[in-house]
Amino acid sequence: MTFPLGNTFKDSEIKKDTVNSTHSVPITGTDMSLVHEIWLEPDENGQMLPGLCLCGPMGDAFRALLDESAIKISEIKGRSHFETMVRYHEFLGREAYTSHHPEDFEPYPEEWLHIQYNFLRESRAARPTCKVLPPKGEN
């Protein structure tokens, strides 16, 4: 998916993340990645500016700063700051992300993984199940 961020968009030209902005990136018991949300928020000129935050309670402070017209457009996963930023830059169509800080390559703290995993598990358990209807003509 390419997203021309230098342009001004109308709401009709931007597709929101499906299922009411719930978390679409699957996690598994062996996956040591954190889910990050990609948001777009319009500036005073209507240009959509991207932002990135952690999914769940660790991203609450970021999301609280967003204008009510901001929309979540996607999610990405990463095991470290560096891996996440590489994927974020790729998603935005920017040049390759680089870093000279050794800590950027370190895995995210295990505590963060537990916080997010528990949040995602609880939010999935609380989400109502959807009834899948058969195609028209089938009973």
N, C-alpha and C. Protein backbone atom coordinates (compact mmCIF):
# COMPACT_ATOMS: atom_id res chain seq x y z
N MET A 1 0.84 -1.18 0.00
CA MET A 1 0.00 0.00 0.00
C MET A 1 0.88 1.23 0.00
N THR A 2 0.66 2.12 -0.90
CA THR A 2 1.38 3.38 -0.90
C THR A 2 0.45 4.46 -0.39
N PHE A 3 1.00 5.42 0.28
CA PHE A 3 0.21 6.49 0.85
C PHE A 3 0.90 7.80 0.58
N PRO A 4 0.39 8.62 -0.34
CA PRO A 4 1.04 9.88 -0.69
C PRO A 4 0.83 10.92 0.41
N LEU A 5 1.69 10.94 1.40
CA LEU A 5 1.49 11.77 2.57
C LEU A 5 1.69 13.26 2.32
N GLY A 6 2.30 13.64 1.21
CA GLY A 6 2.53 15.04 0.95
C GLY A 6 1.29 15.76 0.43
N ASN A 7 0.21 15.05 0.21
CA ASN A 7 -0.99 15.64 -0.35
C ASN A 7 -2.02 15.92 0.72
N THR A 8 -3.04 16.67 0.34
CA THR A 8 -4.18 16.92 1.21
C THR A 8 -5.27 15.95 0.80
N PHE A 9 -5.93 15.35 1.79
CA PHE A 9 -6.93 14.32 1.51
C PHE A 9 -8.28 14.72 2.05
N LYS A 10 -9.30 14.26 1.39
CA LYS A 10 -10.65 14.34 1.91
C LYS A 10 -10.90 13.04 2.66
N ASP A 11 -11.81 13.09 3.64
CA ASP A 11 -12.11 11.88 4.41
C ASP A 11 -12.47 10.71 3.52
N SER A 12 -13.15 10.97 2.41
CA SER A 12 -13.59 9.89 1.53
C SER A 12 -12.42 9.21 0.83
N GLU A 13 -11.25 9.83 0.79
CA GLU A 13 -10.10 9.25 0.10
C GLU A 13 -9.25 8.39 1.03
N ILE A 14 -9.56 8.38 2.30
CA ILE A 14 -8.78 7.64 3.28
C ILE A 14 -9.62 6.49 3.81
N LYS A 15 -9.08 5.30 3.74
CA LYS A 15 -9.79 4.14 4.25
C LYS A 15 -9.31 3.84 5.66
N LYS A 16 -10.25 3.82 6.58
CA LYS A 16 -9.91 3.51 7.96
C LYS A 16 -9.63 2.02 8.10
N ASP A 17 -8.88 1.69 9.16
CA ASP A 17 -8.62 0.29 9.47
C ASP A 17 -9.96 -0.38 9.71
N THR A 18 -10.11 -1.59 9.23
CA THR A 18 -11.39 -2.28 9.32
C THR A 18 -11.70 -2.70 10.75
N VAL A 19 -12.92 -3.11 10.95
CA VAL A 19 -13.43 -3.62 12.22
C VAL A 19 -13.28 -2.58 13.33
N ASN A 20 -13.67 -1.35 13.01
CA ASN A 20 -13.71 -0.29 14.00
C ASN A 20 -12.38 -0.07 14.71
N SER A 21 -11.29 -0.08 13.98
CA SER A 21 -9.94 0.16 14.48
C SER A 21 -9.53 -0.81 15.58
N THR A 22 -9.94 -2.05 15.46
CA THR A 22 -9.46 -3.05 16.39
C THR A 22 -8.12 -3.55 15.89
N HIS A 23 -7.53 -4.41 16.61
CA HIS A 23 -6.16 -4.82 16.33
C HIS A 23 -6.16 -5.99 15.36
N SER A 24 -5.59 -5.74 14.19
CA SER A 24 -5.67 -6.74 13.13
C SER A 24 -4.38 -7.55 13.00
N VAL A 25 -3.31 -7.11 13.64
CA VAL A 25 -2.05 -7.84 13.54
C VAL A 25 -2.09 -9.00 14.52
N PRO A 26 -1.98 -10.24 14.02
CA PRO A 26 -2.07 -11.38 14.94
C PRO A 26 -0.82 -11.50 15.81
N ILE A 27 -1.02 -11.99 17.01
CA ILE A 27 0.12 -12.28 17.87
C ILE A 27 0.06 -13.75 18.25
N THR A 28 1.19 -14.31 18.51
CA THR A 28 1.25 -15.70 18.93
C THR A 28 2.04 -15.79 20.22
N GLY A 29 1.95 -16.92 20.87
CA GLY A 29 2.65 -17.10 22.13
C GLY A 29 4.16 -17.04 21.99
N THR A 30 4.69 -17.32 20.81
CA THR A 30 6.15 -17.32 20.62
C THR A 30 6.66 -16.04 19.97
N ASP A 31 5.76 -15.16 19.58
CA ASP A 31 6.15 -13.93 18.91
C ASP A 31 6.59 -12.91 19.95
N MET A 32 7.79 -12.40 19.82
CA MET A 32 8.32 -11.44 20.77
C MET A 32 8.26 -10.02 20.21
N SER A 33 7.28 -9.75 19.34
CA SER A 33 7.11 -8.44 18.73
C SER A 33 6.04 -7.65 19.45
N LEU A 34 6.15 -6.33 19.36
CA LEU A 34 5.11 -5.44 19.85
C LEU A 34 4.33 -4.89 18.65
N VAL A 35 3.04 -4.73 18.84
CA VAL A 35 2.18 -4.15 17.82
C VAL A 35 2.20 -2.63 17.98
N HIS A 36 2.38 -1.95 16.86
CA HIS A 36 2.37 -0.49 16.81
C HIS A 36 1.28 -0.03 15.86
N GLU A 37 0.64 1.08 16.18
CA GLU A 37 -0.42 1.64 15.36
C GLU A 37 0.12 2.81 14.55
N ILE A 38 -0.29 2.89 13.29
CA ILE A 38 0.05 4.03 12.45
C ILE A 38 -1.19 4.89 12.32
N TRP A 39 -1.05 6.15 12.69
CA TRP A 39 -2.15 7.11 12.67
C TRP A 39 -1.87 8.23 11.68
N LEU A 40 -2.94 8.79 11.15
CA LEU A 40 -2.86 10.01 10.34
C LEU A 40 -3.73 11.06 11.01
N GLU A 41 -3.15 12.26 11.13
CA GLU A 41 -3.86 13.37 11.74
C GLU A 41 -3.71 14.59 10.84
N PRO A 42 -4.81 15.28 10.54
CA PRO A 42 -4.70 16.45 9.67
C PRO A 42 -4.10 17.64 10.41
N ASP A 43 -3.23 18.39 9.70
CA ASP A 43 -2.74 19.64 10.27
C ASP A 43 -3.71 20.76 9.90
N GLU A 44 -3.36 22.00 10.23
CA GLU A 44 -4.26 23.13 9.97
C GLU A 44 -4.55 23.35 8.48
N ASN A 45 -3.72 22.81 7.60
CA ASN A 45 -3.92 22.94 6.16
C ASN A 45 -4.60 21.71 5.55
N GLY A 46 -4.94 20.73 6.37
CA GLY A 46 -5.58 19.53 5.87
C GLY A 46 -4.62 18.45 5.44
N GLN A 47 -3.31 18.71 5.53
CA GLN A 47 -2.33 17.68 5.18
C GLN A 47 -2.32 16.62 6.27
N MET A 48 -2.33 15.36 5.85
CA MET A 48 -2.36 14.25 6.80
C MET A 48 -0.95 13.90 7.25
N LEU A 49 -0.71 14.04 8.55
CA LEU A 49 0.61 13.79 9.12
C LEU A 49 0.61 12.45 9.83
N PRO A 50 1.62 11.61 9.57
CA PRO A 50 1.65 10.29 10.19
C PRO A 50 2.20 10.33 11.61
N GLY A 51 1.77 9.36 12.40
CA GLY A 51 2.29 9.17 13.75
C GLY A 51 2.28 7.70 14.08
N LEU A 52 3.12 7.31 15.02
CA LEU A 52 3.28 5.90 15.39
C LEU A 52 3.25 5.78 16.91
N CYS A 53 2.51 4.81 17.40
CA CYS A 53 2.50 4.57 18.85
C CYS A 53 2.29 3.09 19.10
N LEU A 54 2.55 2.69 20.33
CA LEU A 54 2.30 1.31 20.73
C LEU A 54 0.80 1.08 20.85
N CYS A 55 0.38 -0.10 20.49
CA CYS A 55 -0.99 -0.53 20.67
C CYS A 55 -1.22 -0.75 22.17
N GLY A 56 -2.41 -0.46 22.63
CA GLY A 56 -2.76 -0.73 24.01
C GLY A 56 -2.42 0.41 24.96
N PRO A 57 -2.37 0.10 26.25
CA PRO A 57 -2.23 1.16 27.26
C PRO A 57 -0.93 1.96 27.15
N MET A 58 0.12 1.38 26.60
CA MET A 58 1.37 2.13 26.49
C MET A 58 1.31 3.19 25.39
N GLY A 59 0.27 3.17 24.57
CA GLY A 59 0.09 4.20 23.54
C GLY A 59 -1.01 5.20 23.89
N ASP A 60 -1.62 5.04 25.07
CA ASP A 60 -2.74 5.90 25.47
C ASP A 60 -2.36 7.38 25.49
N ALA A 61 -1.20 7.73 25.99
CA ALA A 61 -0.80 9.14 26.08
C ALA A 61 -0.68 9.76 24.68
N PHE A 62 -0.12 9.01 23.73
CA PHE A 62 -0.02 9.50 22.36
C PHE A 62 -1.41 9.71 21.76
N ARG A 63 -2.26 8.70 21.89
CA ARG A 63 -3.60 8.79 21.31
C ARG A 63 -4.42 9.92 21.93
N ALA A 64 -4.17 10.23 23.21
CA ALA A 64 -4.89 11.31 23.88
C ALA A 64 -4.56 12.67 23.26
N LEU A 65 -3.40 12.78 22.64
CA LEU A 65 -2.99 14.04 22.01
C LEU A 65 -3.56 14.22 20.61
N LEU A 66 -4.06 13.16 20.03
CA LEU A 66 -4.57 13.21 18.66
C LEU A 66 -5.89 13.95 18.58
N ASP A 67 -6.08 14.66 17.49
CA ASP A 67 -7.35 15.32 17.21
C ASP A 67 -8.40 14.23 16.96
N GLU A 68 -9.66 14.55 17.23
CA GLU A 68 -10.72 13.55 17.04
C GLU A 68 -10.87 13.12 15.59
N SER A 69 -10.32 13.90 14.66
CA SER A 69 -10.40 13.52 13.24
C SER A 69 -9.27 12.60 12.80
N ALA A 70 -8.34 12.30 13.70
CA ALA A 70 -7.24 11.38 13.37
C ALA A 70 -7.81 9.99 13.13
N ILE A 71 -7.14 9.24 12.25
CA ILE A 71 -7.58 7.88 11.95
C ILE A 71 -6.40 6.92 12.01
N LYS A 72 -6.69 5.72 12.50
CA LYS A 72 -5.68 4.67 12.49
C LYS A 72 -5.77 3.99 11.14
N ILE A 73 -4.64 3.92 10.42
CA ILE A 73 -4.68 3.37 9.07
C ILE A 73 -4.06 1.98 8.98
N SER A 74 -3.23 1.61 9.94
CA SER A 74 -2.60 0.30 9.84
C SER A 74 -1.92 -0.04 11.16
N GLU A 75 -1.40 -1.24 11.22
CA GLU A 75 -0.58 -1.71 12.33
C GLU A 75 0.65 -2.41 11.78
N ILE A 76 1.74 -2.30 12.51
CA ILE A 76 2.97 -3.01 12.17
C ILE A 76 3.50 -3.64 13.45
N LYS A 77 4.38 -4.60 13.28
CA LYS A 77 4.99 -5.26 14.42
C LYS A 77 6.50 -5.14 14.33
N GLY A 78 7.14 -5.13 15.49
CA GLY A 78 8.59 -5.11 15.54
C GLY A 78 9.09 -5.65 16.87
N ARG A 79 10.29 -6.21 16.83
CA ARG A 79 10.91 -6.76 18.04
C ARG A 79 11.84 -5.78 18.72
N SER A 80 12.16 -4.68 18.03
CA SER A 80 13.04 -3.64 18.59
C SER A 80 12.64 -2.31 17.97
N HIS A 81 13.14 -1.23 18.53
CA HIS A 81 12.88 0.09 17.97
C HIS A 81 13.35 0.14 16.52
N PHE A 82 14.52 -0.38 16.27
CA PHE A 82 15.07 -0.33 14.92
C PHE A 82 14.18 -1.09 13.93
N GLU A 83 13.82 -2.32 14.26
CA GLU A 83 12.98 -3.11 13.35
C GLU A 83 11.65 -2.42 13.09
N THR A 84 11.04 -1.86 14.12
CA THR A 84 9.78 -1.16 13.97
C THR A 84 9.93 0.05 13.06
N MET A 85 10.98 0.83 13.25
CA MET A 85 11.17 2.04 12.45
C MET A 85 11.49 1.70 10.99
N VAL A 86 12.20 0.60 10.76
CA VAL A 86 12.46 0.16 9.38
C VAL A 86 11.12 -0.12 8.69
N ARG A 87 10.23 -0.84 9.36
CA ARG A 87 8.92 -1.17 8.78
C ARG A 87 8.06 0.08 8.60
N TYR A 88 8.13 1.00 9.56
CA TYR A 88 7.36 2.25 9.48
C TYR A 88 7.83 3.08 8.28
N HIS A 89 9.13 3.22 8.11
CA HIS A 89 9.67 3.97 6.97
C HIS A 89 9.29 3.31 5.65
N GLU A 90 9.34 1.98 5.60
CA GLU A 90 8.93 1.26 4.39
C GLU A 90 7.46 1.53 4.09
N PHE A 91 6.62 1.47 5.11
CA PHE A 91 5.19 1.69 4.94
C PHE A 91 4.92 3.09 4.38
N LEU A 92 5.64 4.07 4.89
CA LEU A 92 5.44 5.45 4.46
C LEU A 92 6.12 5.77 3.14
N GLY A 93 6.94 4.84 2.64
CA GLY A 93 7.65 5.08 1.40
C GLY A 93 8.84 6.01 1.56
N ARG A 94 9.38 6.05 2.74
CA ARG A 94 10.55 6.90 3.02
C ARG A 94 11.83 6.12 2.76
N GLU A 95 12.95 6.86 2.77
CA GLU A 95 14.24 6.19 2.62
C GLU A 95 14.50 5.29 3.82
N ALA A 96 15.42 4.38 3.69
CA ALA A 96 15.70 3.39 4.73
C ALA A 96 16.05 4.07 6.05
N TYR A 97 15.52 3.53 7.12
CA TYR A 97 15.79 4.04 8.47
C TYR A 97 17.17 3.56 8.89
N THR A 98 17.94 4.43 9.53
CA THR A 98 19.25 4.07 10.06
C THR A 98 19.36 4.55 11.50
N SER A 99 20.26 3.96 12.23
CA SER A 99 20.51 4.38 13.61
C SER A 99 21.95 4.05 14.00
N HIS A 100 22.52 4.91 14.81
CA HIS A 100 23.86 4.68 15.34
C HIS A 100 23.81 4.42 16.85
N HIS A 101 22.61 4.24 17.37
CA HIS A 101 22.43 4.02 18.81
C HIS A 101 22.27 2.53 19.09
N PRO A 102 23.21 1.92 19.76
CA PRO A 102 23.13 0.46 20.02
C PRO A 102 21.84 0.03 20.71
N GLU A 103 21.29 0.88 21.57
CA GLU A 103 20.06 0.50 22.29
C GLU A 103 18.86 0.36 21.35
N ASP A 104 18.90 0.98 20.18
CA ASP A 104 17.81 0.86 19.22
C ASP A 104 17.67 -0.56 18.67
N PHE A 105 18.74 -1.34 18.75
CA PHE A 105 18.75 -2.70 18.23
C PHE A 105 18.40 -3.74 19.30
N GLU A 106 18.31 -3.30 20.55
CA GLU A 106 17.97 -4.21 21.65
C GLU A 106 16.49 -4.59 21.57
N PRO A 107 16.16 -5.82 21.94
CA PRO A 107 14.75 -6.22 21.95
C PRO A 107 13.96 -5.36 22.94
N TYR A 108 12.68 -5.19 22.65
CA TYR A 108 11.82 -4.47 23.59
C TYR A 108 11.82 -5.20 24.92
N PRO A 109 11.63 -4.48 26.03
CA PRO A 109 11.61 -5.14 27.35
C PRO A 109 10.49 -6.17 27.44
N GLU A 110 10.79 -7.26 28.10
CA GLU A 110 9.81 -8.33 28.26
C GLU A 110 8.56 -7.84 28.98
N GLU A 111 8.73 -6.91 29.90
CA GLU A 111 7.58 -6.34 30.62
C GLU A 111 6.59 -5.70 29.64
N TRP A 112 7.10 -5.00 28.61
CA TRP A 112 6.23 -4.37 27.61
C TRP A 112 5.45 -5.43 26.85
N LEU A 113 6.12 -6.53 26.53
CA LEU A 113 5.46 -7.63 25.83
C LEU A 113 4.30 -8.18 26.65
N HIS A 114 4.52 -8.34 27.96
CA HIS A 114 3.47 -8.86 28.83
C HIS A 114 2.30 -7.88 28.93
N ILE A 115 2.60 -6.60 29.06
CA ILE A 115 1.54 -5.59 29.16
C ILE A 115 0.68 -5.62 27.91
N GLN A 116 1.32 -5.61 26.74
CA GLN A 116 0.56 -5.57 25.50
C GLN A 116 -0.16 -6.89 25.25
N TYR A 117 0.51 -8.00 25.50
CA TYR A 117 -0.13 -9.30 25.29
C TYR A 117 -1.40 -9.42 26.13
N ASN A 118 -1.32 -9.02 27.41
CA ASN A 118 -2.49 -9.10 28.29
C ASN A 118 -3.61 -8.19 27.80
N PHE A 119 -3.25 -6.99 27.34
CA PHE A 119 -4.25 -6.08 26.79
C PHE A 119 -4.94 -6.69 25.57
N LEU A 120 -4.16 -7.21 24.64
CA LEU A 120 -4.74 -7.79 23.42
C LEU A 120 -5.60 -9.01 23.72
N ARG A 121 -5.14 -9.83 24.65
CA ARG A 121 -5.91 -11.02 25.02
C ARG A 121 -7.24 -10.61 25.64
N GLU A 122 -7.22 -9.62 26.53
CA GLU A 122 -8.45 -9.16 27.18
C GLU A 122 -9.38 -8.47 26.19
N SER A 123 -8.82 -7.67 25.28
CA SER A 123 -9.69 -6.97 24.33
C SER A 123 -10.31 -7.94 23.34
N ARG A 124 -9.62 -8.99 22.97
CA ARG A 124 -10.20 -10.01 22.08
C ARG A 124 -11.28 -10.80 22.79
N ALA A 125 -11.07 -11.09 24.08
CA ALA A 125 -12.07 -11.84 24.83
C ALA A 125 -13.34 -11.01 25.00
N ALA A 126 -13.21 -9.69 25.10
CA ALA A 126 -14.37 -8.81 25.30
C ALA A 126 -15.08 -8.48 24.00
N ARG A 127 -14.43 -8.70 22.86
CA ARG A 127 -15.02 -8.36 21.56
C ARG A 127 -16.12 -9.36 21.23
N PRO A 128 -17.31 -8.86 20.88
CA PRO A 128 -18.39 -9.80 20.53
C PRO A 128 -18.06 -10.56 19.25
N THR A 129 -18.56 -11.77 19.17
CA THR A 129 -18.33 -12.55 17.96
C THR A 129 -19.33 -12.13 16.89
N CYS A 130 -18.93 -12.22 15.65
CA CYS A 130 -19.79 -11.85 14.54
C CYS A 130 -20.36 -13.11 13.91
N LYS A 131 -21.63 -13.05 13.55
CA LYS A 131 -22.27 -14.16 12.85
C LYS A 131 -21.95 -14.01 11.38
N VAL A 132 -21.42 -15.05 10.77
CA VAL A 132 -21.11 -15.05 9.36
C VAL A 132 -22.30 -15.60 8.61
N LEU A 133 -22.85 -14.78 7.73
CA LEU A 133 -24.01 -15.18 6.94
C LEU A 133 -23.56 -15.89 5.67
N PRO A 134 -24.31 -16.91 5.23
CA PRO A 134 -23.96 -17.57 3.97
C PRO A 134 -24.26 -16.65 2.80
N PRO A 135 -23.62 -16.87 1.65
CA PRO A 135 -23.93 -16.06 0.47
C PRO A 135 -25.42 -16.17 0.12
N LYS A 136 -25.94 -15.14 -0.54
CA LYS A 136 -27.35 -15.13 -0.94
C LYS A 136 -27.65 -16.37 -1.76
N GLY A 137 -28.80 -16.95 -1.50
CA GLY A 137 -29.21 -18.14 -2.25
C GLY A 137 -28.84 -19.44 -1.55
N GLU A 138 -27.96 -19.38 -0.54
CA GLU A 138 -27.59 -20.58 0.22
C GLU A 138 -28.22 -20.50 1.60
N ASN A 139 -28.68 -21.62 2.11
CA ASN A 139 -29.28 -21.63 3.45
C ASN A 139 -28.52 -22.48 4.37
